[in-house]
């Protein structure tokens, strides 16, 4: 777990590269020092404002669901995207950068969760542990396990996830495909 803290420094330096307009990360040097960065892993990078109340402090969140590139590349790309390309926000400013807290979530590979109905799903989902991907027709959305902190009730969590996917809040009645995954999360103090 402690070695994963290096991901926070990597994410912060990735954003700083954009502000300074120069390369600060020597990819080969990082991989040599931290070989696990060469493993294909998927991650999310979340930015939160330190000076805003919890629940309204999100400032950007972008990630990969499936591992398709080395972790170092996934962290760098997702940190920059969370800071400058999240469509919900204006690009991060240098002033905000000083007040932003970075979180990195490294994901396990999602697994399809078979369930009979909403009640069966309720029994099988583990709040606070499972991240959830919801798919229905051409709609899809995911919530990281940490979202359970903001939406701790099953009904609320899934209503918001359905809406995030562009579906009605009661979309569980249509029996969407559900995948679950877990995340190892590290965050700045």
C-alpha atoms as a PDB file:
ATOM      1  CA  UNK A   1       0.000   0.000   0.000  1.00  0.00           C
ATOM      2  CA  UNK A   2       2.771   2.388   0.937  1.00  0.00           C
ATOM      3  CA  UNK A   3       4.438   2.013  -2.459  1.00  0.00           C
ATOM      4  CA  UNK A   4       1.187   3.101  -4.119  1.00  0.00           C
ATOM      5  CA  UNK A   5       1.634   6.566  -2.561  1.00  0.00           C
ATOM      6  CA  UNK A   6       4.100   7.187  -5.397  1.00  0.00           C
ATOM      7  CA  UNK A   7       1.043   7.312  -7.711  1.00  0.00           C
ATOM      8  CA  UNK A   8      -0.057  10.536  -6.001  1.00  0.00           C
ATOM      9  CA  UNK A   9       3.277  12.199  -6.728  1.00  0.00           C
ATOM     10  CA  UNK A  10       3.122  10.926 -10.314  1.00  0.00           C
ATOM     11  CA  UNK A  11      -0.417  12.313 -10.792  1.00  0.00           C
ATOM     12  CA  UNK A  12       0.526  15.705  -9.305  1.00  0.00           C
ATOM     13  CA  UNK A  13       3.650  15.962 -11.486  1.00  0.00           C
ATOM     14  CA  UNK A  14       1.575  15.049 -14.578  1.00  0.00           C
ATOM     15  CA  UNK A  15      -0.719  18.024 -14.000  1.00  0.00           C
ATOM     16  CA  UNK A  16       2.229  20.276 -13.170  1.00  0.00           C
ATOM     17  CA  UNK A  17       3.827  19.336 -16.527  1.00  0.00           C
ATOM     18  CA  UNK A  18       0.845  20.927 -18.273  1.00  0.00           C
ATOM     19  CA  UNK A  19       1.101  24.140 -16.255  1.00  0.00           C
ATOM     20  CA  UNK A  20       4.853  24.432 -16.711  1.00  0.00           C
ATOM     21  CA  UNK A  21       4.790  23.354 -20.363  1.00  0.00           C
ATOM     22  CA  UNK A  22       7.767  21.033 -19.952  1.00  0.00           C
ATOM     23  CA  UNK A  23       8.474  17.386 -19.279  1.00  0.00           C
ATOM     24  CA  UNK A  24       9.030  16.619 -15.590  1.00  0.00           C
ATOM     25  CA  UNK A  25       8.519  12.848 -15.609  1.00  0.00           C
ATOM     26  CA  UNK A  26      11.285  10.554 -16.856  1.00  0.00           C
ATOM     27  CA  UNK A  27       9.143   7.495 -17.619  1.00  0.00           C
ATOM     28  CA  UNK A  28      12.026   4.993 -17.773  1.00  0.00           C
ATOM     29  CA  UNK A  29      13.521   6.293 -14.522  1.00  0.00           C
ATOM     30  CA  UNK A  30      10.181   5.907 -12.714  1.00  0.00           C
ATOM     31  CA  UNK A  31       9.698   2.335 -14.004  1.00  0.00           C
ATOM     32  CA  UNK A  32      13.257   1.439 -13.020  1.00  0.00           C
ATOM     33  CA  UNK A  33      12.660   2.731  -9.497  1.00  0.00           C
ATOM     34  CA  UNK A  34       9.065   1.374  -9.221  1.00  0.00           C
ATOM     35  CA  UNK A  35       8.757  -1.731 -11.486  1.00  0.00           C
ATOM     36  CA  UNK A  36       5.048  -2.182 -10.670  1.00  0.00           C
ATOM     37  CA  UNK A  37       4.360   0.926 -12.802  1.00  0.00           C
ATOM     38  CA  UNK A  38       5.069  -1.182 -15.914  1.00  0.00           C
ATOM     39  CA  UNK A  39       2.175  -3.583 -15.127  1.00  0.00           C
ATOM     40  CA  UNK A  40      -0.992  -3.179 -17.175  1.00  0.00           C
ATOM     41  CA  UNK A  41      -3.513  -1.775 -14.691  1.00  0.00           C
ATOM     42  CA  UNK A  42      -6.574   0.472 -14.857  1.00  0.00           C
ATOM     43  CA  UNK A  43      -7.016   3.443 -12.551  1.00  0.00           C
ATOM     44  CA  UNK A  44      -9.141   6.491 -11.858  1.00  0.00           C
ATOM     45  CA  UNK A  45      -7.731   9.853 -10.824  1.00  0.00           C
ATOM     46  CA  UNK A  46     -10.073  12.020  -8.747  1.00  0.00           C
ATOM     47  CA  UNK A  47      -9.501  15.680  -7.897  1.00  0.00           C
ATOM     48  CA  UNK A  48     -11.277  17.247  -4.926  1.00  0.00           C
ATOM     49  CA  UNK A  49     -11.094  20.796  -3.603  1.00  0.00           C
ATOM     50  CA  UNK A  50      -9.756  20.860  -0.026  1.00  0.00           C
ATOM     51  CA  UNK A  51     -11.651  24.033   0.874  1.00  0.00           C
ATOM     52  CA  UNK A  52     -15.167  22.893  -0.095  1.00  0.00           C
ATOM     53  CA  UNK A  53     -17.602  20.853   1.989  1.00  0.00           C
ATOM     54  CA  UNK A  54     -17.641  17.134   1.392  1.00  0.00           C
ATOM     55  CA  UNK A  55     -20.148  16.122  -1.261  1.00  0.00           C
ATOM     56  CA  UNK A  56     -19.597  19.299  -3.294  1.00  0.00           C
ATOM     57  CA  UNK A  57     -15.825  19.144  -3.522  1.00  0.00           C
ATOM     58  CA  UNK A  58     -15.415  17.046  -6.691  1.00  0.00           C
ATOM     59  CA  UNK A  59     -13.253  18.900  -9.234  1.00  0.00           C
ATOM     60  CA  UNK A  60     -12.599  16.173 -11.796  1.00  0.00           C
ATOM     61  CA  UNK A  61     -12.593  12.412 -12.134  1.00  0.00           C
ATOM     62  CA  UNK A  62     -11.432  10.430 -15.162  1.00  0.00           C
ATOM     63  CA  UNK A  63     -10.302   6.843 -15.427  1.00  0.00           C
ATOM     64  CA  UNK A  64     -10.050   3.551 -17.205  1.00  0.00           C
ATOM     65  CA  UNK A  65     -12.240   0.567 -16.402  1.00  0.00           C
ATOM     66  CA  UNK A  66     -10.098  -2.090 -18.070  1.00  0.00           C
ATOM     67  CA  UNK A  67      -6.309  -2.400 -18.009  1.00  0.00           C
ATOM     68  CA  UNK A  68      -4.893  -1.763 -21.477  1.00  0.00           C
ATOM     69  CA  UNK A  69      -1.676   0.156 -20.841  1.00  0.00           C
ATOM     70  CA  UNK A  70       1.070   0.312 -18.205  1.00  0.00           C
ATOM     71  CA  UNK A  71      -0.062   1.847 -14.913  1.00  0.00           C
ATOM     72  CA  UNK A  72       2.378   4.760 -15.268  1.00  0.00           C
ATOM     73  CA  UNK A  73       0.727   5.770 -18.563  1.00  0.00           C
ATOM     74  CA  UNK A  74      -2.785   5.319 -17.170  1.00  0.00           C
ATOM     75  CA  UNK A  75      -2.039   7.536 -14.155  1.00  0.00           C
ATOM     76  CA  UNK A  76      -0.389  10.272 -16.259  1.00  0.00           C
ATOM     77  CA  UNK A  77      -3.158  10.349 -18.883  1.00  0.00           C
ATOM     78  CA  UNK A  78      -6.026  10.174 -16.374  1.00  0.00           C
ATOM     79  CA  UNK A  79      -4.522  12.843 -14.091  1.00  0.00           C
ATOM     80  CA  UNK A  80      -4.220  15.256 -17.012  1.00  0.00           C
ATOM     81  CA  UNK A  81      -7.709  14.370 -18.253  1.00  0.00           C
ATOM     82  CA  UNK A  82      -9.248  14.810 -14.772  1.00  0.00           C
ATOM     83  CA  UNK A  83      -7.612  18.233 -14.494  1.00  0.00           C
ATOM     84  CA  UNK A  84      -8.215  19.566 -17.984  1.00  0.00           C
ATOM     85  CA  UNK A  85     -10.756  17.435 -19.889  1.00  0.00           C
ATOM     86  CA  UNK A  86     -13.548  16.406 -17.507  1.00  0.00           C
ATOM     87  CA  UNK A  87     -16.607  17.739 -19.398  1.00  0.00           C
ATOM     88  CA  UNK A  88     -18.363  18.636 -16.120  1.00  0.00           C
ATOM     89  CA  UNK A  89     -15.764  21.291 -15.232  1.00  0.00           C
ATOM     90  CA  UNK A  90     -13.676  24.099 -16.664  1.00  0.00           C
ATOM     91  CA  UNK A  91      -9.969  23.226 -16.952  1.00  0.00           C
ATOM     92  CA  UNK A  92      -8.138  23.395 -13.619  1.00  0.00           C
ATOM     93  CA  UNK A  93      -6.407  26.718 -12.935  1.00  0.00           C
ATOM     94  CA  UNK A  94      -2.972  27.099 -11.308  1.00  0.00           C
ATOM     95  CA  UNK A  95      -4.691  28.669  -8.260  1.00  0.00           C
ATOM     96  CA  UNK A  96      -6.990  25.661  -7.888  1.00  0.00           C
ATOM     97  CA  UNK A  97      -4.049  23.295  -8.351  1.00  0.00           C
ATOM     98  CA  UNK A  98      -2.605  24.607  -5.076  1.00  0.00           C
ATOM     99  CA  UNK A  99      -5.863  23.693  -3.256  1.00  0.00           C
ATOM    100  CA  UNK A 100      -6.688  20.390  -4.922  1.00  0.00           C
ATOM    101  CA  UNK A 101      -6.398  16.990  -3.251  1.00  0.00           C
ATOM    102  CA  UNK A 102      -5.586  14.030  -5.505  1.00  0.00           C
ATOM    103  CA  UNK A 103      -6.896  10.478  -5.123  1.00  0.00           C
ATOM    104  CA  UNK A 104      -5.819   7.517  -7.245  1.00  0.00           C
ATOM    105  CA  UNK A 105      -7.885   4.322  -7.355  1.00  0.00           C
ATOM    106  CA  UNK A 106      -6.272   1.226  -8.902  1.00  0.00           C
ATOM    107  CA  UNK A 107      -9.003  -1.155 -10.058  1.00  0.00           C
ATOM    108  CA  UNK A 108      -9.347  -4.909 -10.158  1.00  0.00           C
ATOM    109  CA  UNK A 109     -10.724  -6.428 -13.366  1.00  0.00           C
ATOM    110  CA  UNK A 110     -14.542  -6.087 -13.418  1.00  0.00           C
ATOM    111  CA  UNK A 111     -16.572  -9.282 -13.092  1.00  0.00           C
ATOM    112  CA  UNK A 112     -20.141  -9.788 -14.258  1.00  0.00           C
ATOM    113  CA  UNK A 113     -22.566 -10.154 -11.353  1.00  0.00           C
ATOM    114  CA  UNK A 114     -25.412 -12.557 -12.039  1.00  0.00           C
ATOM    115  CA  UNK A 115     -28.617 -11.633 -10.218  1.00  0.00           C
ATOM    116  CA  UNK A 116     -32.286 -12.603 -10.400  1.00  0.00           C
ATOM    117  CA  UNK A 117     -33.985  -9.339  -9.465  1.00  0.00           C
ATOM    118  CA  UNK A 118     -33.465  -6.119  -7.531  1.00  0.00           C
ATOM    119  CA  UNK A 119     -33.668  -7.860  -4.134  1.00  0.00           C
ATOM    120  CA  UNK A 120     -31.102 -10.453  -5.188  1.00  0.00           C
ATOM    121  CA  UNK A 121     -28.835  -7.649  -6.400  1.00  0.00           C
ATOM    122  CA  UNK A 122     -29.273  -5.866  -3.059  1.00  0.00           C
ATOM    123  CA  UNK A 123     -28.046  -9.039  -1.276  1.00  0.00           C
ATOM    124  CA  UNK A 124     -25.039  -9.513  -3.540  1.00  0.00           C
ATOM    125  CA  UNK A 125     -23.723  -5.937  -3.751  1.00  0.00           C
ATOM    126  CA  UNK A 126     -21.239  -4.978  -1.021  1.00  0.00           C
ATOM    127  CA  UNK A 127     -21.598  -1.256  -0.225  1.00  0.00           C
ATOM    128  CA  UNK A 128     -18.267   0.422   0.368  1.00  0.00           C
ATOM    129  CA  UNK A 129     -16.388  -2.491  -1.233  1.00  0.00           C
ATOM    130  CA  UNK A 130     -17.801  -2.887  -4.729  1.00  0.00           C
ATOM    131  CA  UNK A 131     -17.475  -0.419  -7.537  1.00  0.00           C
ATOM    132  CA  UNK A 132     -20.329  -0.910  -9.995  1.00  0.00           C
ATOM    133  CA  UNK A 133     -20.624  -0.725 -13.770  1.00  0.00           C
ATOM    134  CA  UNK A 134     -24.192  -0.572 -15.045  1.00  0.00           C
ATOM    135  CA  UNK A 135     -24.972  -1.311 -18.714  1.00  0.00           C
ATOM    136  CA  UNK A 136     -28.324  -1.180 -20.481  1.00  0.00           C
ATOM    137  CA  UNK A 137     -28.647  -1.020 -24.273  1.00  0.00           C
ATOM    138  CA  UNK A 138     -26.060   1.586 -25.336  1.00  0.00           C
ATOM    139  CA  UNK A 139     -25.967   3.273 -21.916  1.00  0.00           C
ATOM    140  CA  UNK A 140     -23.193   2.719 -19.387  1.00  0.00           C
ATOM    141  CA  UNK A 141     -21.907   4.341 -16.209  1.00  0.00           C
ATOM    142  CA  UNK A 142     -19.741   3.434 -13.253  1.00  0.00           C
ATOM    143  CA  UNK A 143     -19.329   4.496  -9.654  1.00  0.00           C
ATOM    144  CA  UNK A 144     -16.120   3.785  -7.750  1.00  0.00           C
ATOM    145  CA  UNK A 145     -16.442   2.041  -4.371  1.00  0.00           C
ATOM    146  CA  UNK A 146     -15.780   5.389  -2.662  1.00  0.00           C
ATOM    147  CA  UNK A 147     -19.086   6.770  -4.017  1.00  0.00           C
ATOM    148  CA  UNK A 148     -20.835   4.650  -1.360  1.00  0.00           C
ATOM    149  CA  UNK A 149     -19.547   7.235   1.167  1.00  0.00           C
ATOM    150  CA  UNK A 150     -21.659   9.933  -0.534  1.00  0.00           C
ATOM    151  CA  UNK A 151     -24.588   7.637  -1.452  1.00  0.00           C
ATOM    152  CA  UNK A 152     -24.649   4.934   1.249  1.00  0.00           C
ATOM    153  CA  UNK A 153     -28.154   3.622   0.557  1.00  0.00           C
ATOM    154  CA  UNK A 154     -28.695   1.008  -2.151  1.00  0.00           C
ATOM    155  CA  UNK A 155     -31.712   2.814  -3.678  1.00  0.00           C
ATOM    156  CA  UNK A 156     -29.952   6.179  -3.821  1.00  0.00           C
ATOM    157  CA  UNK A 157     -26.695   4.734  -5.152  1.00  0.00           C
ATOM    158  CA  UNK A 158     -28.400   2.929  -8.023  1.00  0.00           C
ATOM    159  CA  UNK A 159     -30.817   5.782  -8.815  1.00  0.00           C
ATOM    160  CA  UNK A 160     -27.826   8.127  -9.264  1.00  0.00           C
ATOM    161  CA  UNK A 161     -25.909   5.509 -11.256  1.00  0.00           C
ATOM    162  CA  UNK A 162     -28.888   5.005 -13.586  1.00  0.00           C
ATOM    163  CA  UNK A 163     -29.154   8.775 -14.101  1.00  0.00           C
ATOM    164  CA  UNK A 164     -25.401   9.050 -14.709  1.00  0.00           C
ATOM    165  CA  UNK A 165     -25.848   6.448 -17.474  1.00  0.00           C
ATOM    166  CA  UNK A 166     -28.555   8.613 -19.041  1.00  0.00           C
ATOM    167  CA  UNK A 167     -31.362   6.306 -17.916  1.00  0.00           C
ATOM    168  CA  UNK A 168     -34.366   6.817 -15.625  1.00  0.00           C
ATOM    169  CA  UNK A 169     -33.581   6.571 -11.911  1.00  0.00           C
ATOM    170  CA  UNK A 170     -35.537   3.318 -11.631  1.00  0.00           C
ATOM    171  CA  UNK A 171     -33.610   1.569 -14.422  1.00  0.00           C
ATOM    172  CA  UNK A 172     -32.994  -1.527 -12.251  1.00  0.00           C
ATOM    173  CA  UNK A 173     -36.511  -2.620 -13.190  1.00  0.00           C
ATOM    174  CA  UNK A 174     -35.133  -3.240 -16.720  1.00  0.00           C
ATOM    175  CA  UNK A 175     -32.518  -5.675 -15.358  1.00  0.00           C
ATOM    176  CA  UNK A 176     -29.330  -3.958 -16.588  1.00  0.00           C
ATOM    177  CA  UNK A 177     -26.061  -5.877 -16.825  1.00  0.00           C
ATOM    178  CA  UNK A 178     -24.020  -5.285 -13.669  1.00  0.00           C
ATOM    179  CA  UNK A 179     -20.271  -5.693 -13.236  1.00  0.00           C
ATOM    180  CA  UNK A 180     -18.436  -5.194  -9.959  1.00  0.00           C
ATOM    181  CA  UNK A 181     -14.816  -4.414  -9.188  1.00  0.00           C
ATOM    182  CA  UNK A 182     -12.793  -3.290  -6.215  1.00  0.00           C
ATOM    183  CA  UNK A 183     -10.286  -0.477  -5.878  1.00  0.00           C
ATOM    184  CA  UNK A 184      -7.138   0.111  -3.909  1.00  0.00           C
ATOM    185  CA  UNK A 185      -7.273   3.823  -3.123  1.00  0.00           C
ATOM    186  CA  UNK A 186      -4.553   6.218  -2.082  1.00  0.00           C
ATOM    187  CA  UNK A 187      -5.171   9.882  -1.361  1.00  0.00           C
ATOM    188  CA  UNK A 188      -3.193  12.931  -0.406  1.00  0.00           C
ATOM    189  CA  UNK A 189      -3.446  14.131   3.175  1.00  0.00           C
END
